[in-house]
Amino acid sequence: MRLALWGWLLTAIVRAGSRYIYELYYDKEAISKTLYDWLLKNGYADGNLIAKWKKQGYEKVCASHVILLSG
């Protein structure tokens, strides 16, 4: 049970950071493409998850591994 809780917390943290970077780049246009690419390259955001958010119907997906496991 405790291990599952830590896994869920880690997933929530990764999702929050990725969503923040997604919104800065796509919605607010507050960061440059260079910075966005650097953030993805260095692991500050989940690029696979952001790619899913750009597709219609996937806006509320919480983790990319959920899609990989189910699909």
N, C-alpha and C. Protein backbone atom coordinates (compact mmCIF):
# COMPACT_ATOMS: atom_id res chain seq x y z
N MET A 1 0.83 -1.20 0.00
CA MET A 1 0.00 0.00 0.00
C MET A 1 0.87 1.26 0.00
N ARG A 2 1.88 1.26 0.84
CA ARG A 2 2.72 2.44 0.94
C ARG A 2 3.49 2.69 -0.36
N LEU A 3 3.97 1.62 -0.99
CA LEU A 3 4.69 1.75 -2.25
C LEU A 3 3.77 2.30 -3.34
N ALA A 4 2.53 1.87 -3.36
CA ALA A 4 1.57 2.37 -4.33
C ALA A 4 1.31 3.86 -4.13
N LEU A 5 1.28 4.30 -2.88
CA LEU A 5 1.08 5.72 -2.59
C LEU A 5 2.23 6.55 -3.13
N TRP A 6 3.46 6.08 -2.92
CA TRP A 6 4.62 6.81 -3.44
C TRP A 6 4.62 6.85 -4.96
N GLY A 7 4.22 5.76 -5.58
CA GLY A 7 4.12 5.74 -7.04
C GLY A 7 3.11 6.75 -7.55
N TRP A 8 1.97 6.83 -6.86
CA TRP A 8 0.94 7.79 -7.25
C TRP A 8 1.42 9.23 -7.06
N LEU A 9 2.11 9.49 -5.95
CA LEU A 9 2.62 10.85 -5.69
C LEU A 9 3.65 11.25 -6.75
N LEU A 10 4.52 10.33 -7.11
CA LEU A 10 5.51 10.62 -8.13
C LEU A 10 4.84 10.91 -9.48
N THR A 11 3.83 10.13 -9.82
CA THR A 11 3.09 10.35 -11.06
C THR A 11 2.42 11.72 -11.05
N ALA A 12 1.85 12.10 -9.92
CA ALA A 12 1.18 13.40 -9.80
C ALA A 12 2.18 14.55 -9.95
N ILE A 13 3.37 14.39 -9.39
CA ILE A 13 4.39 15.44 -9.49
C ILE A 13 4.87 15.58 -10.94
N VAL A 14 5.13 14.48 -11.60
CA VAL A 14 5.57 14.52 -13.01
C VAL A 14 4.49 15.14 -13.87
N ARG A 15 3.23 14.77 -13.63
CA ARG A 15 2.12 15.33 -14.41
C ARG A 15 2.01 16.83 -14.20
N ALA A 16 2.13 17.29 -12.94
CA ALA A 16 2.00 18.72 -12.66
C ALA A 16 3.10 19.51 -13.34
N GLY A 17 4.33 19.03 -13.28
CA GLY A 17 5.43 19.72 -13.93
C GLY A 17 5.28 19.74 -15.44
N SER A 18 4.89 18.62 -16.00
CA SER A 18 4.69 18.54 -17.45
C SER A 18 3.55 19.44 -17.90
N ARG A 19 2.48 19.47 -17.13
CA ARG A 19 1.33 20.31 -17.48
C ARG A 19 1.71 21.79 -17.44
N TYR A 20 2.51 22.16 -16.43
CA TYR A 20 2.95 23.55 -16.30
C TYR A 20 3.78 23.95 -17.52
N ILE A 21 4.72 23.12 -17.92
CA ILE A 21 5.55 23.41 -19.08
C ILE A 21 4.71 23.42 -20.36
N TYR A 22 3.77 22.50 -20.48
CA TYR A 22 2.86 22.47 -21.63
C TYR A 22 2.08 23.79 -21.73
N GLU A 23 1.52 24.23 -20.63
CA GLU A 23 0.74 25.47 -20.64
C GLU A 23 1.61 26.68 -20.94
N LEU A 24 2.83 26.72 -20.41
CA LEU A 24 3.73 27.84 -20.70
C LEU A 24 4.05 27.92 -22.18
N TYR A 25 4.24 26.78 -22.82
CA TYR A 25 4.64 26.79 -24.23
C TYR A 25 3.45 26.90 -25.18
N TYR A 26 2.44 26.10 -24.98
CA TYR A 26 1.34 26.05 -25.95
C TYR A 26 0.21 27.05 -25.66
N ASP A 27 -0.16 27.23 -24.42
CA ASP A 27 -1.29 28.11 -24.11
C ASP A 27 -0.87 29.57 -23.95
N LYS A 28 0.15 29.81 -23.13
CA LYS A 28 0.56 31.19 -22.83
C LYS A 28 1.65 31.71 -23.74
N GLU A 29 2.32 30.80 -24.45
CA GLU A 29 3.45 31.16 -25.31
C GLU A 29 4.47 32.01 -24.56
N ALA A 30 4.78 31.58 -23.32
CA ALA A 30 5.66 32.34 -22.45
C ALA A 30 7.11 31.87 -22.51
N ILE A 31 7.38 30.71 -23.12
CA ILE A 31 8.75 30.23 -23.24
C ILE A 31 9.05 29.94 -24.70
N SER A 32 10.34 29.99 -25.02
CA SER A 32 10.75 29.78 -26.41
C SER A 32 10.80 28.29 -26.74
N LYS A 33 10.85 27.99 -28.01
CA LYS A 33 10.98 26.61 -28.48
C LYS A 33 12.29 26.00 -27.99
N THR A 34 13.34 26.81 -27.99
CA THR A 34 14.65 26.33 -27.53
C THR A 34 14.57 25.90 -26.07
N LEU A 35 13.97 26.71 -25.23
CA LEU A 35 13.83 26.37 -23.82
C LEU A 35 12.92 25.15 -23.65
N TYR A 36 11.84 25.11 -24.37
CA TYR A 36 10.92 23.98 -24.31
C TYR A 36 11.63 22.68 -24.68
N ASP A 37 12.37 22.69 -25.77
CA ASP A 37 13.12 21.50 -26.18
C ASP A 37 14.16 21.10 -25.13
N TRP A 38 14.83 22.08 -24.53
CA TRP A 38 15.82 21.79 -23.50
C TRP A 38 15.17 21.15 -22.28
N LEU A 39 14.01 21.65 -21.89
CA LEU A 39 13.30 21.08 -20.74
C LEU A 39 12.91 19.63 -20.99
N LEU A 40 12.44 19.33 -22.19
CA LEU A 40 12.09 17.95 -22.54
C LEU A 40 13.33 17.07 -22.59
N LYS A 41 14.38 17.56 -23.21
CA LYS A 41 15.62 16.78 -23.36
C LYS A 41 16.24 16.43 -22.01
N ASN A 42 16.14 17.33 -21.05
CA ASN A 42 16.77 17.13 -19.75
C ASN A 42 15.83 16.54 -18.71
N GLY A 43 14.66 16.09 -19.13
CA GLY A 43 13.77 15.34 -18.24
C GLY A 43 12.93 16.17 -17.29
N TYR A 44 12.76 17.44 -17.56
CA TYR A 44 11.92 18.27 -16.69
C TYR A 44 10.44 18.11 -17.00
N ALA A 45 10.14 17.47 -18.12
CA ALA A 45 8.76 17.21 -18.51
C ALA A 45 8.71 15.90 -19.29
N ASP A 46 7.56 15.28 -19.29
CA ASP A 46 7.35 14.02 -20.00
C ASP A 46 6.87 14.34 -21.43
N GLY A 47 7.77 14.20 -22.38
CA GLY A 47 7.46 14.52 -23.77
C GLY A 47 6.35 13.66 -24.36
N ASN A 48 6.31 12.38 -23.98
CA ASN A 48 5.24 11.51 -24.47
C ASN A 48 3.88 11.94 -23.96
N LEU A 49 3.83 12.36 -22.71
CA LEU A 49 2.57 12.83 -22.13
C LEU A 49 2.11 14.12 -22.79
N ILE A 50 3.02 15.03 -23.02
CA ILE A 50 2.68 16.29 -23.68
C ILE A 50 2.20 16.02 -25.11
N ALA A 51 2.81 15.07 -25.79
CA ALA A 51 2.38 14.73 -27.15
C ALA A 51 0.94 14.23 -27.14
N LYS A 52 0.56 13.47 -26.13
CA LYS A 52 -0.83 12.99 -26.02
C LYS A 52 -1.78 14.14 -25.74
N TRP A 53 -1.38 15.09 -24.88
CA TRP A 53 -2.26 16.22 -24.57
C TRP A 53 -2.57 17.05 -25.80
N LYS A 54 -1.68 17.08 -26.77
CA LYS A 54 -1.92 17.86 -27.98
C LYS A 54 -2.99 17.22 -28.87
N LYS A 55 -3.28 15.93 -28.66
CA LYS A 55 -4.28 15.23 -29.46
C LYS A 55 -5.66 15.36 -28.80
N GLN A 56 -6.68 15.51 -29.62
CA GLN A 56 -8.03 15.62 -29.11
C GLN A 56 -8.45 14.32 -28.44
N GLY A 57 -9.06 14.45 -27.27
CA GLY A 57 -9.53 13.29 -26.52
C GLY A 57 -8.57 12.83 -25.44
N TYR A 58 -7.35 13.35 -25.44
CA TYR A 58 -6.34 12.94 -24.45
C TYR A 58 -6.00 14.07 -23.47
N GLU A 59 -6.79 15.13 -23.43
CA GLU A 59 -6.45 16.31 -22.65
C GLU A 59 -6.30 16.04 -21.16
N LYS A 60 -6.97 15.03 -20.64
CA LYS A 60 -6.98 14.78 -19.20
C LYS A 60 -6.16 13.55 -18.79
N VAL A 61 -5.36 13.02 -19.69
CA VAL A 61 -4.53 11.86 -19.37
C VAL A 61 -3.52 12.26 -18.29
N CYS A 62 -3.33 11.39 -17.30
CA CYS A 62 -2.45 11.74 -16.18
C CYS A 62 -1.04 11.21 -16.33
N ALA A 63 -0.86 10.13 -17.10
CA ALA A 63 0.48 9.56 -17.25
C ALA A 63 0.59 8.81 -18.57
N SER A 64 1.74 8.92 -19.20
CA SER A 64 1.92 8.27 -20.49
C SER A 64 2.00 6.74 -20.34
N HIS A 65 2.48 6.25 -19.22
CA HIS A 65 2.57 4.79 -19.05
C HIS A 65 1.19 4.14 -18.95
N VAL A 66 0.18 4.89 -18.58
CA VAL A 66 -1.18 4.35 -18.55
C VAL A 66 -1.65 4.01 -19.97
N ILE A 67 -1.33 4.87 -20.90
CA ILE A 67 -1.71 4.64 -22.30
C ILE A 67 -0.92 3.47 -22.86
N LEU A 68 0.35 3.40 -22.53
CA LEU A 68 1.19 2.31 -23.03
C LEU A 68 0.72 0.96 -22.50
N LEU A 69 0.28 0.91 -21.26
CA LEU A 69 -0.19 -0.33 -20.67
C LEU A 69 -1.55 -0.77 -21.23
N SER A 70 -2.41 0.20 -21.50
CA SER A 70 -3.77 -0.14 -21.94
C SER A 70 -3.88 -0.29 -23.45
N GLY A 71 -2.98 0.33 -24.19
CA GLY A 71 -3.14 0.35 -25.62
C GLY A 71 -2.27 -0.58 -26.33
